[in-house]
Protein backbone atom coordinates (compact mmCIF):
# COMPACT_ATOMS: atom_id res chain seq x y z
CA MET A 1 90.89 145.76 156.59
CA ALA A 2 88.32 143.00 156.35
CA GLU A 3 85.14 143.77 154.37
CA PHE A 4 82.56 141.15 154.90
CA LYS A 5 82.29 137.93 157.08
CA ILE A 6 81.31 134.76 156.18
CA GLU A 7 78.39 133.10 158.98
CA HIS A 8 78.48 129.33 158.67
CA ASP A 9 75.52 127.72 160.93
CA ARG A 10 77.41 123.94 160.71
CA PRO A 11 74.27 122.21 162.36
CA GLY A 12 72.37 122.18 159.39
CA CYS A 13 75.14 121.36 156.64
CA ILE A 14 74.34 118.27 155.39
CA GLY A 15 78.00 117.36 153.89
CA CYS A 16 77.48 117.49 150.56
CA GLY A 17 81.39 118.90 149.95
CA ALA A 18 79.47 121.73 147.48
CA CYS A 19 81.33 124.55 149.28
CA ALA A 20 84.80 121.90 149.53
CA ALA A 21 84.51 121.41 146.00
CA VAL A 22 84.46 125.56 145.00
CA SER A 23 86.67 126.14 147.33
CA PRO A 24 89.08 124.34 148.57
CA SER A 25 90.82 127.05 150.44
CA PHE A 26 88.47 128.10 152.90
CA TRP A 27 86.31 124.75 152.82
CA ALA A 28 87.10 121.62 153.36
CA MET A 29 84.75 118.03 154.59
CA ASP A 30 85.60 116.91 158.49
CA PRO A 31 86.20 113.32 158.51
CA VAL A 32 84.38 112.56 161.52
CA ASP A 33 81.54 113.84 160.96
CA GLY A 34 81.32 114.49 157.09
CA LYS A 35 79.80 118.08 157.46
CA SER A 36 81.76 121.07 156.48
CA ASP A 37 84.45 123.01 158.09
CA LEU A 38 85.17 126.75 157.39
CA ILE A 39 89.62 126.66 157.92
CA GLY A 40 90.71 129.65 160.73
CA ALA A 41 87.57 130.27 161.36
CA LYS A 42 86.06 131.05 164.71
CA LYS A 43 83.88 128.42 166.00
CA SER A 44 80.95 129.20 168.79
CA GLU A 45 79.96 126.11 170.80
CA GLU A 46 76.97 124.99 173.03
CA SER A 47 77.53 121.23 174.73
CA GLY A 48 80.54 120.86 173.02
CA GLU A 49 79.15 121.05 169.42
CA VAL A 50 80.01 123.59 167.13
CA VAL A 51 77.24 125.69 166.03
CA LYS A 52 78.29 128.40 163.97
CA GLU A 53 81.20 129.27 162.60
CA GLU A 54 82.78 132.99 161.33
CA MET A 55 85.64 134.89 159.67
CA GLU A 56 86.27 138.25 158.06
CA ILE A 57 87.09 138.09 154.53
CA ASP A 58 88.55 140.27 152.63
CA LYS A 59 87.24 141.94 148.97
CA LYS A 60 90.06 139.19 147.35
CA ASP A 61 87.99 136.19 149.14
CA TYR A 62 85.00 137.10 148.22
CA ASP A 63 84.27 135.61 145.00
CA SER A 64 86.11 132.65 146.20
CA ASN A 65 83.16 132.36 148.89
CA MET A 66 80.25 133.66 147.84
CA ASN A 67 80.13 130.59 145.07
CA ALA A 68 80.49 127.94 148.47
CA ALA A 69 77.83 129.87 149.83
CA GLN A 70 75.69 129.94 146.49
CA SER A 71 76.49 126.13 145.55
CA CYS A 72 75.32 124.42 149.55
CA PRO A 73 71.71 123.65 148.94
CA VAL A 74 70.34 123.75 152.02
CA ASN A 75 71.96 127.91 152.84
CA VAL A 76 73.66 127.39 156.05
CA ILE A 77 76.65 129.94 154.49
CA HIS A 78 75.49 133.65 155.01
CA ILE A 79 77.73 136.45 153.35
CA ILE A 80 77.53 140.00 154.81
CA LYS A 81 78.46 143.01 153.79
CA LEU A 82 80.16 144.90 157.42
CA LYS A 83 80.38 148.48 156.54
CA GLU A 84 76.34 148.10 155.44
CA ASN A 85 75.43 145.07 158.24
CA GLU A 86 74.30 143.18 155.29
CA LYS A 87 73.47 139.89 154.03
CA LEU A 88 74.13 139.56 150.84
CA ILE A 89 73.16 135.58 150.97
């Protein structure tokens, strides 16, 4: 069972690539608009544009994604501890 959830506020992404550099198993840069994508995430769209990406992860994937979130200069990657519904970043 997943312990954490990643939320990515994609419109706020500036395309710096830090997340993809530190966690390439989960993050990739979109070749069309240059923003990051959370690989395999559930995507929410408005007017045909992805506005939010979400994915639940296990403890084993926590460190990699926390590093990605901490490397983001515009703070658009959030990690939530599901059991307590606590936003860690």
